[in-house]
């Protein structure tokens, strides 16, 4: 760490200028970056429908099916 600090203290004028230019470019890119507006970015949701109130039934059916598959595997392994 001490060597790094020492290196920072001994920058040449050219290194200082290059570092300043790179920092300025990074600031400009950060300003130019487009942030999502939340309106046009959510267009992929159009045409979809909300989950019905019977979603819990599909989850229960899925759990039962997985349980049956596991039970059949164990039963046929004996």
C-alpha atoms as a PDB file:
ATOM      1  CA  UNK A   1       0.000   0.000   0.000  1.00  0.00           C
ATOM      2  CA  UNK A   2       2.805   2.412   0.831  1.00  0.00           C
ATOM      3  CA  UNK A   3       4.379   1.835  -2.563  1.00  0.00           C
ATOM      4  CA  UNK A   4       1.075   2.592  -4.277  1.00  0.00           C
ATOM      5  CA  UNK A   5       0.680   5.860  -2.359  1.00  0.00           C
ATOM      6  CA  UNK A   6       4.247   6.800  -3.171  1.00  0.00           C
ATOM      7  CA  UNK A   7       3.594   6.058  -6.835  1.00  0.00           C
ATOM      8  CA  UNK A   8       0.554   8.340  -6.775  1.00  0.00           C
ATOM      9  CA  UNK A   9       2.644  11.181  -5.383  1.00  0.00           C
ATOM     10  CA  UNK A  10       5.201  10.928  -8.194  1.00  0.00           C
ATOM     11  CA  UNK A  11       2.869  11.243 -11.164  1.00  0.00           C
ATOM     12  CA  UNK A  12       4.228  13.065 -14.140  1.00  0.00           C
ATOM     13  CA  UNK A  13       2.236  15.937 -15.652  1.00  0.00           C
ATOM     14  CA  UNK A  14       1.323  13.689 -18.576  1.00  0.00           C
ATOM     15  CA  UNK A  15      -0.028  11.005 -16.219  1.00  0.00           C
ATOM     16  CA  UNK A  16      -2.041  13.663 -14.376  1.00  0.00           C
ATOM     17  CA  UNK A  17      -3.514  14.923 -17.668  1.00  0.00           C
ATOM     18  CA  UNK A  18      -4.412  11.406 -18.849  1.00  0.00           C
ATOM     19  CA  UNK A  19      -6.015  10.576 -15.492  1.00  0.00           C
ATOM     20  CA  UNK A  20      -8.040  13.801 -15.615  1.00  0.00           C
ATOM     21  CA  UNK A  21      -9.213  13.063 -19.177  1.00  0.00           C
ATOM     22  CA  UNK A  22     -10.271   9.537 -18.248  1.00  0.00           C
ATOM     23  CA  UNK A  23     -12.184  10.809 -15.232  1.00  0.00           C
ATOM     24  CA  UNK A  24     -13.944  13.404 -17.391  1.00  0.00           C
ATOM     25  CA  UNK A  25     -14.903  10.763 -19.971  1.00  0.00           C
ATOM     26  CA  UNK A  26     -16.292   8.551 -17.200  1.00  0.00           C
ATOM     27  CA  UNK A  27     -18.376  11.454 -15.869  1.00  0.00           C
ATOM     28  CA  UNK A  28     -19.746  12.225 -19.348  1.00  0.00           C
ATOM     29  CA  UNK A  29     -20.672   8.586 -19.959  1.00  0.00           C
ATOM     30  CA  UNK A  30     -22.421   8.444 -16.597  1.00  0.00           C
ATOM     31  CA  UNK A  31     -24.456  11.535 -17.498  1.00  0.00           C
ATOM     32  CA  UNK A  32     -25.345  10.200 -20.959  1.00  0.00           C
ATOM     33  CA  UNK A  33     -26.505   6.803 -19.717  1.00  0.00           C
ATOM     34  CA  UNK A  34     -30.228   6.402 -20.298  1.00  0.00           C
ATOM     35  CA  UNK A  35     -32.163   5.352 -17.254  1.00  0.00           C
ATOM     36  CA  UNK A  36     -35.266   3.221 -17.727  1.00  0.00           C
ATOM     37  CA  UNK A  37     -38.411   5.317 -17.707  1.00  0.00           C
ATOM     38  CA  UNK A  38     -40.711   2.551 -16.519  1.00  0.00           C
ATOM     39  CA  UNK A  39     -43.249   3.126 -19.283  1.00  0.00           C
ATOM     40  CA  UNK A  40     -41.743   1.942 -22.551  1.00  0.00           C
ATOM     41  CA  UNK A  41     -39.600  -0.611 -20.752  1.00  0.00           C
ATOM     42  CA  UNK A  42     -42.669  -2.346 -19.364  1.00  0.00           C
ATOM     43  CA  UNK A  43     -44.278  -2.835 -22.787  1.00  0.00           C
ATOM     44  CA  UNK A  44     -43.478  -6.558 -22.695  1.00  0.00           C
ATOM     45  CA  UNK A  45     -46.191  -6.996 -20.033  1.00  0.00           C
ATOM     46  CA  UNK A  46     -48.994  -5.866 -22.353  1.00  0.00           C
ATOM     47  CA  UNK A  47     -51.291  -8.702 -23.332  1.00  0.00           C
ATOM     48  CA  UNK A  48     -50.537 -10.849 -20.304  1.00  0.00           C
ATOM     49  CA  UNK A  49     -53.085 -11.662 -17.648  1.00  0.00           C
ATOM     50  CA  UNK A  50     -52.913 -11.734 -13.877  1.00  0.00           C
ATOM     51  CA  UNK A  51     -52.500 -14.957 -11.929  1.00  0.00           C
ATOM     52  CA  UNK A  52     -55.882 -16.400 -11.083  1.00  0.00           C
ATOM     53  CA  UNK A  53     -57.097 -17.090  -7.568  1.00  0.00           C
ATOM     54  CA  UNK A  54     -56.640 -20.820  -8.176  1.00  0.00           C
ATOM     55  CA  UNK A  55     -52.853 -20.601  -8.440  1.00  0.00           C
ATOM     56  CA  UNK A  56     -52.515 -22.335  -5.082  1.00  0.00           C
ATOM     57  CA  UNK A  57     -54.373 -25.354  -6.546  1.00  0.00           C
ATOM     58  CA  UNK A  58     -51.793 -25.706  -9.345  1.00  0.00           C
ATOM     59  CA  UNK A  59     -48.988 -25.527  -6.789  1.00  0.00           C
ATOM     60  CA  UNK A  60     -50.686 -28.229  -4.712  1.00  0.00           C
ATOM     61  CA  UNK A  61     -51.165 -30.435  -7.784  1.00  0.00           C
ATOM     62  CA  UNK A  62     -47.483 -30.002  -8.654  1.00  0.00           C
ATOM     63  CA  UNK A  63     -46.396 -31.003  -5.149  1.00  0.00           C
ATOM     64  CA  UNK A  64     -48.659 -34.065  -5.248  1.00  0.00           C
ATOM     65  CA  UNK A  65     -47.279 -35.128  -8.642  1.00  0.00           C
ATOM     66  CA  UNK A  66     -43.681 -34.772  -7.456  1.00  0.00           C
ATOM     67  CA  UNK A  67     -44.550 -36.734  -4.309  1.00  0.00           C
ATOM     68  CA  UNK A  68     -46.137 -39.515  -6.353  1.00  0.00           C
ATOM     69  CA  UNK A  69     -43.108 -39.732  -8.648  1.00  0.00           C
ATOM     70  CA  UNK A  70     -40.770 -40.004  -5.666  1.00  0.00           C
ATOM     71  CA  UNK A  71     -43.028 -42.620  -4.042  1.00  0.00           C
ATOM     72  CA  UNK A  72     -43.122 -44.690  -7.265  1.00  0.00           C
ATOM     73  CA  UNK A  73     -39.339 -44.556  -7.579  1.00  0.00           C
ATOM     74  CA  UNK A  74     -38.887 -45.730  -3.996  1.00  0.00           C
ATOM     75  CA  UNK A  75     -41.586 -48.425  -4.361  1.00  0.00           C
ATOM     76  CA  UNK A  76     -40.050 -49.906  -7.516  1.00  0.00           C
ATOM     77  CA  UNK A  77     -36.514 -49.856  -6.094  1.00  0.00           C
ATOM     78  CA  UNK A  78     -37.358 -52.445  -3.398  1.00  0.00           C
END
